[in-house]
Amino acid sequence: MPERTVVIASRTGLHARPAKLFVQAAAAQGVPVRIRLGAGRSVPANSMLAVMALGAEHGAEVVLEAEGPGADAALDSLAGLLSRDLDAEETPDV
């Protein structure tokens, strides 16, 4: 299963607005995507509650996993999103 490791760049971590933007982007990928914090249990990336429950703060390392056709492109897109400070952007390109 393809995966990407990325450091959360948003100042507030993966909470509130950054979490919403990430979950929306994950849901739009067309392949099932999961996210985990460190060596923890992975959760569906399209679930706002599950993503916020991870408690991923600024600078935390998360792992994205996906499988199926288009998995690599989906992971590249989502990793790029998380590597930006979404708190500082007015209208992020998701």
C-alpha atoms as a PDB file:
ATOM      1  CA  MET A   1       0.000   0.000   0.000  1.00  0.00           C
ATOM      2  CA  PRO A   2       1.494   3.370  -1.007  1.00  0.00           C
ATOM      3  CA  GLU A   3       2.102   5.830   1.809  1.00  0.00           C
ATOM      4  CA  ARG A   4       3.554   9.286   2.394  1.00  0.00           C
ATOM      5  CA  THR A   5       5.008  10.746   5.571  1.00  0.00           C
ATOM      6  CA  VAL A   6       4.461  14.465   6.056  1.00  0.00           C
ATOM      7  CA  VAL A   7       4.984  17.039   8.803  1.00  0.00           C
ATOM      8  CA  ILE A   8       1.945  19.160   9.707  1.00  0.00           C
ATOM      9  CA  ALA A   9       2.786  22.756   8.761  1.00  0.00           C
ATOM     10  CA  SER A  10      -0.365  24.558   9.958  1.00  0.00           C
ATOM     11  CA  ARG A  11       0.207  26.610  13.104  1.00  0.00           C
ATOM     12  CA  THR A  12      -2.874  25.146  14.797  1.00  0.00           C
ATOM     13  CA  GLY A  13      -2.046  21.622  13.694  1.00  0.00           C
ATOM     14  CA  LEU A  14      -4.698  19.451  12.082  1.00  0.00           C
ATOM     15  CA  HIS A  15      -7.594  21.184  13.835  1.00  0.00           C
ATOM     16  CA  ALA A  16     -10.523  23.392  12.832  1.00  0.00           C
ATOM     17  CA  ARG A  17      -9.977  24.976   9.412  1.00  0.00           C
ATOM     18  CA  PRO A  18      -6.927  22.915   8.332  1.00  0.00           C
ATOM     19  CA  ALA A  19      -8.727  19.692   9.303  1.00  0.00           C
ATOM     20  CA  LYS A  20     -11.825  20.728   7.357  1.00  0.00           C
ATOM     21  CA  LEU A  21      -9.799  21.495   4.228  1.00  0.00           C
ATOM     22  CA  PHE A  22      -7.856  18.242   4.523  1.00  0.00           C
ATOM     23  CA  VAL A  23     -10.987  16.105   5.062  1.00  0.00           C
ATOM     24  CA  GLN A  24     -12.719  17.736   2.082  1.00  0.00           C
ATOM     25  CA  ALA A  25      -9.685  17.123  -0.117  1.00  0.00           C
ATOM     26  CA  ALA A  26      -9.380  13.509   1.080  1.00  0.00           C
ATOM     27  CA  ALA A  27     -13.056  12.856   0.352  1.00  0.00           C
ATOM     28  CA  ALA A  28     -12.616  14.220  -3.177  1.00  0.00           C
ATOM     29  CA  GLN A  29      -9.718  11.887  -4.071  1.00  0.00           C
ATOM     30  CA  GLY A  30     -11.758   8.964  -5.355  1.00  0.00           C
ATOM     31  CA  VAL A  31      -9.674   6.400  -3.450  1.00  0.00           C
ATOM     32  CA  PRO A  32      -9.877   5.439   0.227  1.00  0.00           C
ATOM     33  CA  VAL A  33      -7.255   7.379   2.192  1.00  0.00           C
ATOM     34  CA  ARG A  34      -6.234   6.784   5.810  1.00  0.00           C
ATOM     35  CA  ILE A  35      -4.090   8.895   8.129  1.00  0.00           C
ATOM     36  CA  ARG A  36      -2.197   8.020  11.289  1.00  0.00           C
ATOM     37  CA  LEU A  37      -0.139   9.938  13.800  1.00  0.00           C
ATOM     38  CA  GLY A  38       3.262   8.314  14.279  1.00  0.00           C
ATOM     39  CA  ALA A  39       2.909   4.603  14.963  1.00  0.00           C
ATOM     40  CA  GLY A  40      -0.730   4.971  16.065  1.00  0.00           C
ATOM     41  CA  ARG A  41      -3.836   3.458  14.537  1.00  0.00           C
ATOM     42  CA  SER A  42      -4.860   4.809  11.135  1.00  0.00           C
ATOM     43  CA  VAL A  43      -8.255   6.457  10.676  1.00  0.00           C
ATOM     44  CA  PRO A  44     -10.295   7.371   7.586  1.00  0.00           C
ATOM     45  CA  ALA A  45      -9.020  10.677   6.206  1.00  0.00           C
ATOM     46  CA  ASN A  46     -12.521  11.625   5.066  1.00  0.00           C
ATOM     47  CA  SER A  47     -13.858  11.639   8.657  1.00  0.00           C
ATOM     48  CA  MET A  48     -13.677  15.042  10.364  1.00  0.00           C
ATOM     49  CA  LEU A  49     -14.199  13.530  13.806  1.00  0.00           C
ATOM     50  CA  ALA A  50     -11.519  10.856  13.316  1.00  0.00           C
ATOM     51  CA  VAL A  51      -8.988  13.323  11.903  1.00  0.00           C
ATOM     52  CA  MET A  52      -9.499  15.822  14.726  1.00  0.00           C
ATOM     53  CA  ALA A  53      -9.324  13.024  17.313  1.00  0.00           C
ATOM     54  CA  LEU A  54      -5.751  12.285  16.175  1.00  0.00           C
ATOM     55  CA  GLY A  55      -4.637  15.463  17.937  1.00  0.00           C
ATOM     56  CA  ALA A  56      -1.941  16.136  15.315  1.00  0.00           C
ATOM     57  CA  GLU A  57      -0.256  19.391  16.311  1.00  0.00           C
ATOM     58  CA  HIS A  58       2.049  21.701  14.366  1.00  0.00           C
ATOM     59  CA  GLY A  59       5.255  19.814  13.538  1.00  0.00           C
ATOM     60  CA  ALA A  60       3.727  16.367  14.112  1.00  0.00           C
ATOM     61  CA  GLU A  61       4.613  13.636  11.625  1.00  0.00           C
ATOM     62  CA  VAL A  62       1.645  11.845  10.066  1.00  0.00           C
ATOM     63  CA  VAL A  63       1.498   8.978   7.601  1.00  0.00           C
ATOM     64  CA  LEU A  64      -1.027   8.938   4.753  1.00  0.00           C
ATOM     65  CA  GLU A  65      -2.006   5.601   3.187  1.00  0.00           C
ATOM     66  CA  ALA A  66      -4.151   4.834   0.149  1.00  0.00           C
ATOM     67  CA  GLU A  67      -4.752   1.995  -2.229  1.00  0.00           C
ATOM     68  CA  GLY A  68      -6.274   1.602  -5.621  1.00  0.00           C
ATOM     69  CA  PRO A  69      -5.869   3.319  -8.964  1.00  0.00           C
ATOM     70  CA  GLY A  70      -4.718   6.874  -8.424  1.00  0.00           C
ATOM     71  CA  ALA A  71      -3.428   6.252  -4.888  1.00  0.00           C
ATOM     72  CA  ASP A  72      -0.007   7.799  -5.519  1.00  0.00           C
ATOM     73  CA  ALA A  73      -1.469  10.974  -7.032  1.00  0.00           C
ATOM     74  CA  ALA A  74      -3.979  11.258  -4.177  1.00  0.00           C
ATOM     75  CA  LEU A  75      -1.234  10.902  -1.577  1.00  0.00           C
ATOM     76  CA  ASP A  76       0.989  13.439  -3.330  1.00  0.00           C
ATOM     77  CA  SER A  77      -1.870  15.945  -3.413  1.00  0.00           C
ATOM     78  CA  LEU A  78      -2.806  15.458   0.249  1.00  0.00           C
ATOM     79  CA  ALA A  79       0.823  15.494   1.424  1.00  0.00           C
ATOM     80  CA  GLY A  80       1.302  18.785  -0.415  1.00  0.00           C
ATOM     81  CA  LEU A  81      -1.755  20.203   1.311  1.00  0.00           C
ATOM     82  CA  LEU A  82      -0.584  19.219   4.805  1.00  0.00           C
ATOM     83  CA  SER A  83       2.906  20.588   4.177  1.00  0.00           C
ATOM     84  CA  ARG A  84       1.469  24.116   3.797  1.00  0.00           C
ATOM     85  CA  ASP A  85       0.386  26.444   6.606  1.00  0.00           C
ATOM     86  CA  LEU A  86      -3.333  26.387   5.847  1.00  0.00           C
ATOM     87  CA  ASP A  87      -3.965  28.847   8.684  1.00  0.00           C
ATOM     88  CA  ALA A  88      -2.005  31.528   6.830  1.00  0.00           C
ATOM     89  CA  GLU A  89      -3.747  31.066   3.475  1.00  0.00           C
ATOM     90  CA  GLU A  90      -6.897  32.977   2.642  1.00  0.00           C
ATOM     91  CA  THR A  91      -8.149  30.684  -0.108  1.00  0.00           C
ATOM     92  CA  PRO A  92      -6.069  27.508  -0.247  1.00  0.00           C
ATOM     93  CA  ASP A  93      -5.837  25.574  -3.479  1.00  0.00           C
ATOM     94  CA  VAL A  94      -7.300  22.187  -2.558  1.00  0.00           C
END
